[in-house]
Amino acid sequence: MEVVNELAIWGAFGLSGAGGIAIISFWMTLSSRLTTAELKAAMAERDAASAHTKYDGVIRDVSDYRVAVEVKIAIVKTLAEANTTSLTAAENRVARALEEVRDELSRFNERIDRAFADK
C-alpha cells in the first residue's frame, strides 16, 4: 500500500507541476501579447504624431498660399482700377481731340464755302 501512496503522491506532484507549468505558460503568453500590444500602440502613437505634424505643415502651407493668392488678387484689382481710370482718361482725351478735329473741319469748310461764294 505504501507504493500506491507513493505513486499517488508522485502523481499529484506531477499533476500539480503540469498545472503550474500551464499557469506559468498562460501568464507568459499573456505577458508577451501585452508587450506586443504595447509596442504596437507606441508605434501607432508615433505614427499619429508624425501624421499630425505633416497635417500641421500642410495646413500652414495652404494658409500661406491662400494669403499669397489674396495679395495677388488685391494687386490685380488695384491694377484693373488703375487701368480703368487710365483708359477712361485716354477715352476722354480722344473724344476731346475728335471734337477739336470736327470743329477745325467745320471752320475749314466755312472758309472754303466763303471762298467759293466770293467768286
PDB file of N, CA and C in Angstrom:
ATOM      1  N   MET A   1       0.773  -1.154   0.000  1.00  0.00           N
ATOM      2  CA  MET A   1       0.000   0.000   0.000  1.00  0.00           C
ATOM      3  C   MET A   1       0.845   1.262   0.000  1.00  0.00           C
ATOM      4  N   GLU A   2       1.944   1.090   0.579  1.00  0.00           N
ATOM      5  CA  GLU A   2       2.862   2.209   0.606  1.00  0.00           C
ATOM      6  C   GLU A   2       3.282   2.632  -0.795  1.00  0.00           C
ATOM      7  N   VAL A   3       3.417   1.709  -1.666  1.00  0.00           N
ATOM      8  CA  VAL A   3       3.807   2.009  -3.044  1.00  0.00           C
ATOM      9  C   VAL A   3       2.687   2.785  -3.726  1.00  0.00           C
ATOM     10  N   VAL A   4       1.478   2.400  -3.433  1.00  0.00           N
ATOM     11  CA  VAL A   4       0.338   3.085  -4.041  1.00  0.00           C
ATOM     12  C   VAL A   4       0.274   4.516  -3.529  1.00  0.00           C
ATOM     13  N   ASN A   5       0.502   4.712  -2.250  1.00  0.00           N
ATOM     14  CA  ASN A   5       0.508   6.064  -1.688  1.00  0.00           C
ATOM     15  C   ASN A   5       1.621   6.898  -2.311  1.00  0.00           C
ATOM     16  N   GLU A   6       2.773   6.267  -2.462  1.00  0.00           N
ATOM     17  CA  GLU A   6       3.888   6.986  -3.077  1.00  0.00           C
ATOM     18  C   GLU A   6       3.567   7.370  -4.509  1.00  0.00           C
ATOM     19  N   LEU A   7       2.993   6.419  -5.242  1.00  0.00           N
ATOM     20  CA  LEU A   7       2.615   6.718  -6.625  1.00  0.00           C
ATOM     21  C   LEU A   7       1.569   7.835  -6.663  1.00  0.00           C
ATOM     22  N   ALA A   8       0.658   7.794  -5.750  1.00  0.00           N
ATOM     23  CA  ALA A   8      -0.382   8.820  -5.702  1.00  0.00           C
ATOM     24  C   ALA A   8       0.250  10.177  -5.409  1.00  0.00           C
ATOM     25  N   ILE A   9       1.185  10.183  -4.469  1.00  0.00           N
ATOM     26  CA  ILE A   9       1.860  11.444  -4.114  1.00  0.00           C
ATOM     27  C   ILE A   9       2.654  11.955  -5.317  1.00  0.00           C
ATOM     28  N   TRP A  10       3.441  11.038  -5.945  1.00  0.00           N
ATOM     29  CA  TRP A  10       4.218  11.459  -7.107  1.00  0.00           C
ATOM     30  C   TRP A  10       3.294  11.879  -8.258  1.00  0.00           C
ATOM     31  N   GLY A  11       2.200  11.212  -8.412  1.00  0.00           N
ATOM     32  CA  GLY A  11       1.215  11.592  -9.442  1.00  0.00           C
ATOM     33  C   GLY A  11       0.643  12.964  -9.157  1.00  0.00           C
ATOM     34  N   ALA A  12       0.352  13.217  -7.879  1.00  0.00           N
ATOM     35  CA  ALA A  12      -0.179  14.530  -7.503  1.00  0.00           C
ATOM     36  C   ALA A  12       0.867  15.619  -7.749  1.00  0.00           C
ATOM     37  N   PHE A  13       2.128  15.312  -7.397  1.00  0.00           N
ATOM     38  CA  PHE A  13       3.208  16.280  -7.681  1.00  0.00           C
ATOM     39  C   PHE A  13       3.323  16.527  -9.178  1.00  0.00           C
ATOM     40  N   GLY A  14       3.245  15.465  -9.946  1.00  0.00           N
ATOM     41  CA  GLY A  14       3.353  15.593 -11.411  1.00  0.00           C
ATOM     42  C   GLY A  14       2.232  16.426 -11.983  1.00  0.00           C
ATOM     43  N   LEU A  15       0.996  16.147 -11.505  1.00  0.00           N
ATOM     44  CA  LEU A  15      -0.148  16.922 -11.994  1.00  0.00           C
ATOM     45  C   LEU A  15      -0.083  18.375 -11.555  1.00  0.00           C
ATOM     46  N   SER A  16       0.350  18.578 -10.314  1.00  0.00           N
ATOM     47  CA  SER A  16       0.470  19.960  -9.853  1.00  0.00           C
ATOM     48  C   SER A  16       1.581  20.677 -10.610  1.00  0.00           C
ATOM     49  N   GLY A  17       2.645  19.946 -10.926  1.00  0.00           N
ATOM     50  CA  GLY A  17       3.722  20.538 -11.728  1.00  0.00           C
ATOM     51  C   GLY A  17       3.230  20.884 -13.118  1.00  0.00           C
ATOM     52  N   ALA A  18       2.413  19.985 -13.716  1.00  0.00           N
ATOM     53  CA  ALA A  18       1.856  20.269 -15.043  1.00  0.00           C
ATOM     54  C   ALA A  18       0.915  21.463 -14.973  1.00  0.00           C
ATOM     55  N   GLY A  19       0.122  21.526 -13.902  1.00  0.00           N
ATOM     56  CA  GLY A  19      -0.778  22.670 -13.722  1.00  0.00           C
ATOM     57  C   GLY A  19       0.007  23.959 -13.547  1.00  0.00           C
ATOM     58  N   GLY A  20       1.081  23.846 -12.781  1.00  0.00           N
ATOM     59  CA  GLY A  20       1.944  25.017 -12.569  1.00  0.00           C
ATOM     60  C   GLY A  20       2.570  25.475 -13.874  1.00  0.00           C
ATOM     61  N   ILE A  21       3.013  24.510 -14.675  1.00  0.00           N
ATOM     62  CA  ILE A  21       3.598  24.854 -15.988  1.00  0.00           C
ATOM     63  C   ILE A  21       2.539  25.496 -16.865  1.00  0.00           C
ATOM     64  N   ALA A  22       1.309  24.982 -16.824  1.00  0.00           N
ATOM     65  CA  ALA A  22       0.226  25.554 -17.621  1.00  0.00           C
ATOM     66  C   ALA A  22      -0.056  26.992 -17.194  1.00  0.00           C
ATOM     67  N   ILE A  23      -0.089  27.206 -15.864  1.00  0.00           N
ATOM     68  CA  ILE A  23      -0.339  28.560 -15.352  1.00  0.00           C
ATOM     69  C   ILE A  23       0.792  29.494 -15.760  1.00  0.00           C
ATOM     70  N   ILE A  24       2.025  29.035 -15.603  1.00  0.00           N
ATOM     71  CA  ILE A  24       3.187  29.858 -15.995  1.00  0.00           C
ATOM     72  C   ILE A  24       3.149  30.140 -17.488  1.00  0.00           C
ATOM     73  N   SER A  25       2.831  29.126 -18.273  1.00  0.00           N
ATOM     74  CA  SER A  25       2.753  29.299 -19.721  1.00  0.00           C
ATOM     75  C   SER A  25       1.667  30.321 -20.084  1.00  0.00           C
ATOM     76  N   PHE A  26       0.514  30.223 -19.410  1.00  0.00           N
ATOM     77  CA  PHE A  26      -0.579  31.168 -19.649  1.00  0.00           C
ATOM     78  C   PHE A  26      -0.131  32.603 -19.386  1.00  0.00           C
ATOM     79  N   TRP A  27       0.479  32.833 -18.235  1.00  0.00           N
ATOM     80  CA  TRP A  27       0.901  34.192 -17.867  1.00  0.00           C
ATOM     81  C   TRP A  27       2.016  34.710 -18.766  1.00  0.00           C
ATOM     82  N   MET A  28       2.902  33.836 -19.198  1.00  0.00           N
ATOM     83  CA  MET A  28       3.983  34.265 -20.094  1.00  0.00           C
ATOM     84  C   MET A  28       3.417  34.642 -21.468  1.00  0.00           C
ATOM     85  N   THR A  29       2.462  33.853 -21.961  1.00  0.00           N
ATOM     86  CA  THR A  29       1.830  34.169 -23.248  1.00  0.00           C
ATOM     87  C   THR A  29       1.069  35.480 -23.153  1.00  0.00           C
ATOM     88  N   LEU A  30       0.329  35.653 -22.057  1.00  0.00           N
ATOM     89  CA  LEU A  30      -0.413  36.902 -21.852  1.00  0.00           C
ATOM     90  C   LEU A  30       0.539  38.083 -21.775  1.00  0.00           C
ATOM     91  N   SER A  31       1.634  37.910 -21.038  1.00  0.00           N
ATOM     92  CA  SER A  31       2.622  38.979 -20.920  1.00  0.00           C
ATOM     93  C   SER A  31       3.225  39.314 -22.280  1.00  0.00           C
ATOM     94  N   SER A  32       3.517  38.298 -23.069  1.00  0.00           N
ATOM     95  CA  SER A  32       4.078  38.515 -24.396  1.00  0.00           C
ATOM     96  C   SER A  32       3.098  39.277 -25.276  1.00  0.00           C
ATOM     97  N   ARG A  33       1.820  38.899 -25.212  1.00  0.00           N
ATOM     98  CA  ARG A  33       0.811  39.579 -26.026  1.00  0.00           C
ATOM     99  C   ARG A  33       0.625  41.026 -25.573  1.00  0.00           C
ATOM    100  N   LEU A  34       0.652  41.249 -24.264  1.00  0.00           N
ATOM    101  CA  LEU A  34       0.535  42.611 -23.758  1.00  0.00           C
ATOM    102  C   LEU A  34       1.723  43.463 -24.187  1.00  0.00           C
ATOM    103  N   THR A  35       2.913  42.888 -24.116  1.00  0.00           N
ATOM    104  CA  THR A  35       4.117  43.615 -24.538  1.00  0.00           C
ATOM    105  C   THR A  35       4.025  43.952 -26.024  1.00  0.00           C
ATOM    106  N   THR A  36       3.593  42.986 -26.833  1.00  0.00           N
ATOM    107  CA  THR A  36       3.439  43.227 -28.263  1.00  0.00           C
ATOM    108  C   THR A  36       2.402  44.312 -28.518  1.00  0.00           C
ATOM    109  N   ALA A  37       1.290  44.259 -27.781  1.00  0.00           N
ATOM    110  CA  ALA A  37       0.243  45.271 -27.934  1.00  0.00           C
ATOM    111  C   ALA A  37       0.753  46.650 -27.533  1.00  0.00           C
ATOM    112  N   GLU A  38       1.528  46.713 -26.464  1.00  0.00           N
ATOM    113  CA  GLU A  38       2.088  47.993 -26.029  1.00  0.00           C
ATOM    114  C   GLU A  38       3.051  48.545 -27.070  1.00  0.00           C
ATOM    115  N   LEU A  39       3.872  47.685 -27.672  1.00  0.00           N
ATOM    116  CA  LEU A  39       4.793  48.131 -28.721  1.00  0.00           C
ATOM    117  C   LEU A  39       4.024  48.648 -29.931  1.00  0.00           C
ATOM    118  N   LYS A  40       2.977  47.902 -30.318  1.00  0.00           N
ATOM    119  CA  LYS A  40       2.160  48.343 -31.455  1.00  0.00           C
ATOM    120  C   LYS A  40       1.481  49.675 -31.143  1.00  0.00           C
ATOM    121  N   ALA A  41       1.019  49.840 -29.924  1.00  0.00           N
ATOM    122  CA  ALA A  41       0.385  51.097 -29.520  1.00  0.00           C
ATOM    123  C   ALA A  41       1.392  52.244 -29.553  1.00  0.00           C
ATOM    124  N   ALA A  42       2.600  51.985 -29.102  1.00  0.00           N
ATOM    125  CA  ALA A  42       3.634  53.022 -29.120  1.00  0.00           C
ATOM    126  C   ALA A  42       3.975  53.403 -30.553  1.00  0.00           C
ATOM    127  N   MET A  43       4.073  52.399 -31.440  1.00  0.00           N
ATOM    128  CA  MET A  43       4.362  52.686 -32.849  1.00  0.00           C
ATOM    129  C   MET A  43       3.211  53.464 -33.480  1.00  0.00           C
ATOM    130  N   ALA A  44       1.969  53.102 -33.150  1.00  0.00           N
ATOM    131  CA  ALA A  44       0.810  53.817 -33.682  1.00  0.00           C
ATOM    132  C   ALA A  44       0.786  55.259 -33.186  1.00  0.00           C
ATOM    133  N   GLU A  45       1.154  55.449 -31.929  1.00  0.00           N
ATOM    134  CA  GLU A  45       1.198  56.801 -31.367  1.00  0.00           C
ATOM    135  C   GLU A  45       2.265  57.642 -32.061  1.00  0.00           C
ATOM    136  N   ARG A  46       3.426  57.033 -32.323  1.00  0.00           N
ATOM    137  CA  ARG A  46       4.496  57.738 -33.032  1.00  0.00           C
ATOM    138  C   ARG A  46       4.051  58.097 -34.453  1.00  0.00           C
ATOM    139  N   ASP A  47       3.402  57.133 -35.140  1.00  0.00           N
ATOM    140  CA  ASP A  47       2.918  57.397 -36.496  1.00  0.00           C
ATOM    141  C   ASP A  47       1.852  58.488 -36.499  1.00  0.00           C
ATOM    142  N   ALA A  48       0.990  58.481 -35.489  1.00  0.00           N
ATOM    143  CA  ALA A  48      -0.046  59.512 -35.388  1.00  0.00           C
ATOM    144  C   ALA A  48       0.579  60.885 -35.159  1.00  0.00           C
ATOM    145  N   ALA A  49       1.597  60.946 -34.333  1.00  0.00           N
ATOM    146  CA  ALA A  49       2.279  62.226 -34.087  1.00  0.00           C
ATOM    147  C   ALA A  49       2.934  62.726 -35.366  1.00  0.00           C
ATOM    148  N   SER A  50       3.555  61.820 -36.111  1.00  0.00           N
ATOM    149  CA  SER A  50       4.179  62.193 -37.385  1.00  0.00           C
ATOM    150  C   SER A  50       3.130  62.686 -38.374  1.00  0.00           C
ATOM    151  N   ALA A  51       2.000  61.981 -38.445  1.00  0.00           N
ATOM    152  CA  ALA A  51       0.923  62.394 -39.353  1.00  0.00           C
ATOM    153  C   ALA A  51       0.365  63.751 -38.933  1.00  0.00           C
ATOM    154  N   HIS A  52       0.259  63.980 -37.636  1.00  0.00           N
ATOM    155  CA  HIS A  52      -0.248  65.261 -37.142  1.00  0.00           C
ATOM    156  C   HIS A  52       0.711  66.388 -37.503  1.00  0.00           C
ATOM    157  N   THR A  53       1.990  66.143 -37.404  1.00  0.00           N
ATOM    158  CA  THR A  53       2.990  67.138 -37.779  1.00  0.00           C
ATOM    159  C   THR A  53       2.891  67.454 -39.270  1.00  0.00           C
ATOM    160  N   LYS A  54       2.756  66.408 -40.090  1.00  0.00           N
ATOM    161  CA  LYS A  54       2.602  66.623 -41.532  1.00  0.00           C
ATOM    162  C   LYS A  54       1.324  67.396 -41.824  1.00  0.00           C
ATOM    163  N   TYR A  55       0.247  67.050 -41.128  1.00  0.00           N
ATOM    164  CA  TYR A  55      -1.028  67.748 -41.314  1.00  0.00           C
ATOM    165  C   TYR A  55      -0.868  69.232 -40.986  1.00  0.00           C
ATOM    166  N   ASP A  56      -0.202  69.534 -39.866  1.00  0.00           N
ATOM    167  CA  ASP A  56       0.019  70.930 -39.496  1.00  0.00           C
ATOM    168  C   ASP A  56       0.813  71.656 -40.581  1.00  0.00           C
ATOM    169  N   GLY A  57       1.811  70.979 -41.160  1.00  0.00           N
ATOM    170  CA  GLY A  57       2.596  71.579 -42.230  1.00  0.00           C
ATOM    171  C   GLY A  57       1.751  71.871 -43.453  1.00  0.00           C
ATOM    172  N   VAL A  58       0.894  70.933 -43.807  1.00  0.00           N
ATOM    173  CA  VAL A  58       0.029  71.132 -44.976  1.00  0.00           C
ATOM    174  C   VAL A  58      -0.947  72.284 -44.722  1.00  0.00           C
ATOM    175  N   ILE A  59      -1.525  72.322 -43.534  1.00  0.00           N
ATOM    176  CA  ILE A  59      -2.451  73.409 -43.204  1.00  0.00           C
ATOM    177  C   ILE A  59      -1.731  74.756 -43.260  1.00  0.00           C
ATOM    178  N   ARG A  60      -0.514  74.802 -42.753  1.00  0.00           N
ATOM    179  CA  ARG A  60       0.269  76.042 -42.785  1.00  0.00           C
ATOM    180  C   ARG A  60       0.561  76.444 -44.230  1.00  0.00           C
ATOM    181  N   ASP A  61       0.946  75.478 -45.071  1.00  0.00           N
ATOM    182  CA  ASP A  61       1.230  75.765 -46.480  1.00  0.00           C
ATOM    183  C   ASP A  61      -0.011  76.270 -47.209  1.00  0.00           C
ATOM    184  N   VAL A  62      -1.153  75.644 -46.939  1.00  0.00           N
ATOM    185  CA  VAL A  62      -2.397  76.078 -47.575  1.00  0.00           C
ATOM    186  C   VAL A  62      -2.753  77.494 -47.125  1.00  0.00           C
ATOM    187  N   SER A  63      -2.563  77.770 -45.860  1.00  0.00           N
ATOM    188  CA  SER A  63      -2.847  79.106 -45.342  1.00  0.00           C
ATOM    189  C   SER A  63      -1.921  80.141 -45.980  1.00  0.00           C
ATOM    190  N   ASP A  64      -0.640  79.816 -46.076  1.00  0.00           N
ATOM    191  CA  ASP A  64       0.314  80.726 -46.723  1.00  0.00           C
ATOM    192  C   ASP A  64      -0.060  80.953 -48.183  1.00  0.00           C
ATOM    193  N   TYR A  65      -0.464  79.891 -48.868  1.00  0.00           N
ATOM    194  CA  TYR A  65      -0.854  80.005 -50.276  1.00  0.00           C
ATOM    195  C   TYR A  65      -2.100  80.883 -50.405  1.00  0.00           C
ATOM    196  N   ARG A  66      -3.058  80.699 -49.495  1.00  0.00           N
ATOM    197  CA  ARG A  66      -4.281  81.493 -49.535  1.00  0.00           C
ATOM    198  C   ARG A  66      -3.957  82.971 -49.351  1.00  0.00           C
ATOM    199  N   VAL A  67      -3.066  83.280 -48.426  1.00  0.00           N
ATOM    200  CA  VAL A  67      -2.675  84.674 -48.198  1.00  0.00           C
ATOM    201  C   VAL A  67      -1.986  85.237 -49.443  1.00  0.00           C
ATOM    202  N   ALA A  68      -1.104  84.438 -50.062  1.00  0.00           N
ATOM    203  CA  ALA A  68      -0.406  84.897 -51.266  1.00  0.00           C
ATOM    204  C   ALA A  68      -1.394  85.159 -52.401  1.00  0.00           C
ATOM    205  N   VAL A  69      -2.390  84.287 -52.540  1.00  0.00           N
ATOM    206  CA  VAL A  69      -3.391  84.479 -53.593  1.00  0.00           C
ATOM    207  C   VAL A  69      -4.215  85.732 -53.320  1.00  0.00           C
ATOM    208  N   GLU A  70      -4.564  85.954 -52.061  1.00  0.00           N
ATOM    209  CA  GLU A  70      -5.321  87.158 -51.717  1.00  0.00           C
ATOM    210  C   GLU A  70      -4.520  88.415 -52.035  1.00  0.00           C
ATOM    211  N   VAL A  71      -3.233  88.393 -51.775  1.00  0.00           N
ATOM    212  CA  VAL A  71      -2.380  89.546 -52.089  1.00  0.00           C
ATOM    213  C   VAL A  71      -2.346  89.763 -53.589  1.00  0.00           C
ATOM    214  N   LYS A  72      -2.188  88.669 -54.352  1.00  0.00           N
ATOM    215  CA  LYS A  72      -2.154  88.802 -55.816  1.00  0.00           C
ATOM    216  C   LYS A  72      -3.483  89.318 -56.358  1.00  0.00           C
ATOM    217  N   ILE A  73      -4.582  88.851 -55.787  1.00  0.00           N
ATOM    218  CA  ILE A  73      -5.899  89.330 -56.225  1.00  0.00           C
ATOM    219  C   ILE A  73      -6.040  90.822 -55.934  1.00  0.00           C
ATOM    220  N   ALA A  74      -5.576  91.246 -54.769  1.00  0.00           N
ATOM    221  CA  ALA A  74      -5.640  92.667 -54.417  1.00  0.00           C
ATOM    222  C   ALA A  74      -4.812  93.498 -55.397  1.00  0.00           C
ATOM    223  N   ILE A  75      -3.641  92.983 -55.774  1.00  0.00           N
ATOM    224  CA  ILE A  75      -2.789  93.699 -56.728  1.00  0.00           C
ATOM    225  C   ILE A  75      -3.490  93.789 -58.082  1.00  0.00           C
ATOM    226  N   VAL A  76      -4.078  92.676 -58.527  1.00  0.00           N
ATOM    227  CA  VAL A  76      -4.767  92.674 -59.820  1.00  0.00           C
ATOM    228  C   VAL A  76      -5.943  93.639 -59.799  1.00  0.00           C
ATOM    229  N   LYS A  77      -6.707  93.671 -58.698  1.00  0.00           N
ATOM    230  CA  LYS A  77      -7.831  94.607 -58.598  1.00  0.00           C
ATOM    231  C   LYS A  77      -7.343  96.045 -58.655  1.00  0.00           C
ATOM    232  N   THR A  78      -6.251  96.329 -57.946  1.00  0.00           N
ATOM    233  CA  THR A  78      -5.696  97.685 -57.953  1.00  0.00           C
ATOM    234  C   THR A  78      -5.250  98.073 -59.360  1.00  0.00           C
ATOM    235  N   LEU A  79      -4.560  97.139 -60.035  1.00  0.00           N
ATOM    236  CA  LEU A  79      -4.125  97.418 -61.405  1.00  0.00           C
ATOM    237  C   LEU A  79      -5.314  97.590 -62.336  1.00  0.00           C
ATOM    238  N   ALA A  80      -6.342  96.783 -62.155  1.00  0.00           N
ATOM    239  CA  ALA A  80      -7.530  96.904 -63.002  1.00  0.00           C
ATOM    240  C   ALA A  80      -8.198  98.257 -62.796  1.00  0.00           C
ATOM    241  N   GLU A  81      -8.296  98.691 -61.540  1.00  0.00           N
ATOM    242  CA  GLU A  81      -8.881 100.006 -61.267  1.00  0.00           C
ATOM    243  C   GLU A  81      -8.025 101.110 -61.885  1.00  0.00           C
ATOM    244  N   ALA A  82      -6.709 100.987 -61.740  1.00  0.00           N
ATOM    245  CA  ALA A  82      -5.814 101.995 -62.319  1.00  0.00           C
ATOM    246  C   ALA A  82      -5.925 101.991 -63.842  1.00  0.00           C
ATOM    247  N   ASN A  83      -5.986 100.792 -64.425  1.00  0.00           N
ATOM    248  CA  ASN A  83      -6.113 100.712 -65.882  1.00  0.00           C
ATOM    249  C   ASN A  83      -7.456 101.271 -66.339  1.00  0.00           C
ATOM    250  N   THR A  84      -8.511 101.013 -65.593  1.00  0.00           N
ATOM    251  CA  THR A  84      -9.826 101.549 -65.937  1.00  0.00           C
ATOM    252  C   THR A  84      -9.789 103.070 -65.898  1.00  0.00           C
ATOM    253  N   THR A  85      -9.169 103.612 -64.871  1.00  0.00           N
ATOM    254  CA  THR A  85      -9.050 105.064 -64.756  1.00  0.00           C
ATOM    255  C   THR A  85      -8.227 105.625 -65.910  1.00  0.00           C
ATOM    256  N   SER A  86      -7.123 104.959 -66.236  1.00  0.00           N
ATOM    257  CA  SER A  86      -6.273 105.413 -67.339  1.00  0.00           C
ATOM    258  C   SER A  86      -7.005 105.317 -68.662  1.00  0.00           C
ATOM    259  N   LEU A  87      -7.718 104.232 -68.871  1.00  0.00           N
ATOM    260  CA  LEU A  87      -8.458 104.063 -70.120  1.00  0.00           C
ATOM    261  C   LEU A  87      -9.576 105.094 -70.246  1.00  0.00           C
ATOM    262  N   THR A  88     -10.239 105.401 -69.147  1.00  0.00           N
ATOM    263  CA  THR A  88     -11.288 106.421 -69.167  1.00  0.00           C
ATOM    264  C   THR A  88     -10.689 107.780 -69.508  1.00  0.00           C
ATOM    265  N   ALA A  89      -9.565 108.093 -68.900  1.00  0.00           N
ATOM    266  CA  ALA A  89      -8.895 109.367 -69.186  1.00  0.00           C
ATOM    267  C   ALA A  89      -8.459 109.413 -70.648  1.00  0.00           C
ATOM    268  N   ALA A  90      -7.903 108.322 -71.165  1.00  0.00           N
ATOM    269  CA  ALA A  90      -7.478 108.281 -72.571  1.00  0.00           C
ATOM    270  C   ALA A  90      -8.688 108.424 -73.495  1.00  0.00           C
ATOM    271  N   GLU A  91      -9.790 107.775 -73.149  1.00  0.00           N
ATOM    272  CA  GLU A  91     -11.005 107.883 -73.968  1.00  0.00           C
ATOM    273  C   GLU A  91     -11.504 109.321 -73.992  1.00  0.00           C
ATOM    274  N   ASN A  92     -11.448 109.985 -72.842  1.00  0.00           N
ATOM    275  CA  ASN A  92     -11.875 111.392 -72.771  1.00  0.00           C
ATOM    276  C   ASN A  92     -10.966 112.277 -73.608  1.00  0.00           C
ATOM    277  N   ARG A  93      -9.655 112.013 -73.581  1.00  0.00           N
ATOM    278  CA  ARG A  93      -8.717 112.802 -74.395  1.00  0.00           C
ATOM    279  C   ARG A  93      -8.978 112.595 -75.881  1.00  0.00           C
ATOM    280  N   VAL A  94      -9.231 111.342 -76.283  1.00  0.00           N
ATOM    281  CA  VAL A  94      -9.506 111.048 -77.697  1.00  0.00           C
ATOM    282  C   VAL A  94     -10.814 111.715 -78.119  1.00  0.00           C
ATOM    283  N   ALA A  95     -11.819 111.682 -77.250  1.00  0.00           N
ATOM    284  CA  ALA A  95     -13.103 112.321 -77.573  1.00  0.00           C
ATOM    285  C   ALA A  95     -12.926 113.827 -77.753  1.00  0.00           C
ATOM    286  N   ARG A  96     -12.151 114.478 -76.860  1.00  0.00           N
ATOM    287  CA  ARG A  96     -11.886 115.921 -76.996  1.00  0.00           C
ATOM    288  C   ARG A  96     -11.110 116.213 -78.268  1.00  0.00           C
ATOM    289  N   ALA A  97     -10.135 115.358 -78.579  1.00  0.00           N
ATOM    290  CA  ALA A  97      -9.352 115.565 -79.797  1.00  0.00           C
ATOM    291  C   ALA A  97     -10.245 115.438 -81.037  1.00  0.00           C
ATOM    292  N   LEU A  98     -11.148 114.475 -81.030  1.00  0.00           N
ATOM    293  CA  LEU A  98     -12.063 114.324 -82.171  1.00  0.00           C
ATOM    294  C   LEU A  98     -12.994 115.525 -82.295  1.00  0.00           C
ATOM    295  N   GLU A  99     -13.456 116.056 -81.155  1.00  0.00           N
ATOM    296  CA  GLU A  99     -14.291 117.266 -81.205  1.00  0.00           C
ATOM    297  C   GLU A  99     -13.508 118.439 -81.775  1.00  0.00           C
ATOM    298  N   GLU A 100     -12.257 118.570 -81.378  1.00  0.00           N
ATOM    299  CA  GLU A 100     -11.421 119.659 -81.908  1.00  0.00           C
ATOM    300  C   GLU A 100     -11.208 119.482 -83.410  1.00  0.00           C
ATOM    301  N   VAL A 101     -10.980 118.230 -83.848  1.00  0.00           N
ATOM    302  CA  VAL A 101     -10.797 117.987 -85.285  1.00  0.00           C
ATOM    303  C   VAL A 101     -12.101 118.322 -86.026  1.00  0.00           C
ATOM    304  N   ARG A 102     -13.250 117.959 -85.456  1.00  0.00           N
ATOM    305  CA  ARG A 102     -14.542 118.260 -86.083  1.00  0.00           C
ATOM    306  C   ARG A 102     -14.733 119.771 -86.176  1.00  0.00           C
ATOM    307  N   ASP A 103     -14.394 120.505 -85.082  1.00  0.00           N
ATOM    308  CA  ASP A 103     -14.523 121.961 -85.097  1.00  0.00           C
ATOM    309  C   ASP A 103     -13.604 122.565 -86.155  1.00  0.00           C
ATOM    310  N   GLU A 104     -12.369 122.060 -86.252  1.00  0.00           N
ATOM    311  CA  GLU A 104     -11.416 122.558 -87.257  1.00  0.00           C
ATOM    312  C   GLU A 104     -11.931 122.301 -88.677  1.00  0.00           C
ATOM    313  N   LEU A 105     -12.489 121.105 -88.885  1.00  0.00           N
ATOM    314  CA  LEU A 105     -13.028 120.789 -90.217  1.00  0.00           C
ATOM    315  C   LEU A 105     -14.242 121.666 -90.541  1.00  0.00           C
ATOM    316  N   SER A 106     -15.051 121.943 -89.521  1.00  0.00           N
ATOM    317  CA  SER A 106     -16.199 122.833 -89.746  1.00  0.00           C
ATOM    318  C   SER A 106     -15.721 124.223 -90.156  1.00  0.00           C
ATOM    319  N   ARG A 107     -14.734 124.767 -89.464  1.00  0.00           N
ATOM    320  CA  ARG A 107     -14.178 126.085 -89.814  1.00  0.00           C
ATOM    321  C   ARG A 107     -13.537 126.055 -91.188  1.00  0.00           C
ATOM    322  N   PHE A 108     -12.858 124.950 -91.516  1.00  0.00           N
ATOM    323  CA  PHE A 108     -12.219 124.813 -92.829  1.00  0.00           C
ATOM    324  C   PHE A 108     -13.290 124.806 -93.925  1.00  0.00           C
ATOM    325  N   ASN A 109     -14.385 124.077 -93.676  1.00  0.00           N
ATOM    326  CA  ASN A 109     -15.474 124.042 -94.656  1.00  0.00           C
ATOM    327  C   ASN A 109     -16.106 125.423 -94.838  1.00  0.00           C
ATOM    328  N   GLU A 110     -16.246 126.165 -93.731  1.00  0.00           N
ATOM    329  CA  GLU A 110     -16.814 127.508 -93.813  1.00  0.00           C
ATOM    330  C   GLU A 110     -15.918 128.403 -94.655  1.00  0.00           C
ATOM    331  N   ARG A 111     -14.620 128.308 -94.498  1.00  0.00           N
ATOM    332  CA  ARG A 111     -13.684 129.112 -95.299  1.00  0.00           C
ATOM    333  C   ARG A 111     -13.780 128.741 -96.772  1.00  0.00           C
ATOM    334  N   ILE A 112     -13.860 127.444 -97.034  1.00  0.00           N
ATOM    335  CA  ILE A 112     -13.979 127.024 -98.424  1.00  0.00           C
ATOM    336  C   ILE A 112     -15.293 127.526 -99.020  1.00  0.00           C
ATOM    337  N   ASP A 113     -16.369 127.455 -98.254  1.00  0.00           N
ATOM    338  CA  ASP A 113     -17.660 127.932 -98.727  1.00  0.00           C
ATOM    339  C   ASP A 113     -17.611 129.441 -99.009  1.00  0.00           C
ATOM    340  N   ARG A 114     -16.969 130.208 -98.140  1.00  0.00           N
ATOM    341  CA  ARG A 114     -16.828 131.639 -98.350  1.00  0.00           C
ATOM    342  C   ARG A 114     -15.971 131.936 -99.575  1.00  0.00           C
ATOM    343  N   ALA A 115     -14.936 131.114 -99.748  1.00  0.00           N
ATOM    344  CA  ALA A 115     -14.043 131.328-100.909  1.00  0.00           C
ATOM    345  C   ALA A 115     -14.817 131.114-102.206  1.00  0.00           C
ATOM    346  N   PHE A 116     -15.649 130.086-102.265  1.00  0.00           N
ATOM    347  CA  PHE A 116     -16.428 129.834-103.483  1.00  0.00           C
ATOM    348  C   PHE A 116     -17.591 130.810-103.608  1.00  0.00           C
ATOM    349  N   ALA A 117     -18.098 131.294-102.481  1.00  0.00           N
ATOM    350  CA  ALA A 117     -19.212 132.224-102.525  1.00  0.00           C
ATOM    351  C   ALA A 117     -18.727 133.584-103.024  1.00  0.00           C
ATOM    352  N   ASP A 118     -17.515 133.973-102.747  1.00  0.00           N
ATOM    353  CA  ASP A 118     -16.957 135.251-103.179  1.00  0.00           C
ATOM    354  C   ASP A 118     -16.718 135.267-104.684  1.00  0.00           C
ATOM    355  N   LYS A 119     -16.542 134.188-105.289  1.00  0.00           N
ATOM    356  CA  LYS A 119     -16.191 134.164-106.705  1.00  0.00           C
ATOM    357  C   LYS A 119     -17.380 134.173-107.548  1.00  0.00           C
TER     358      LYS A 119
END
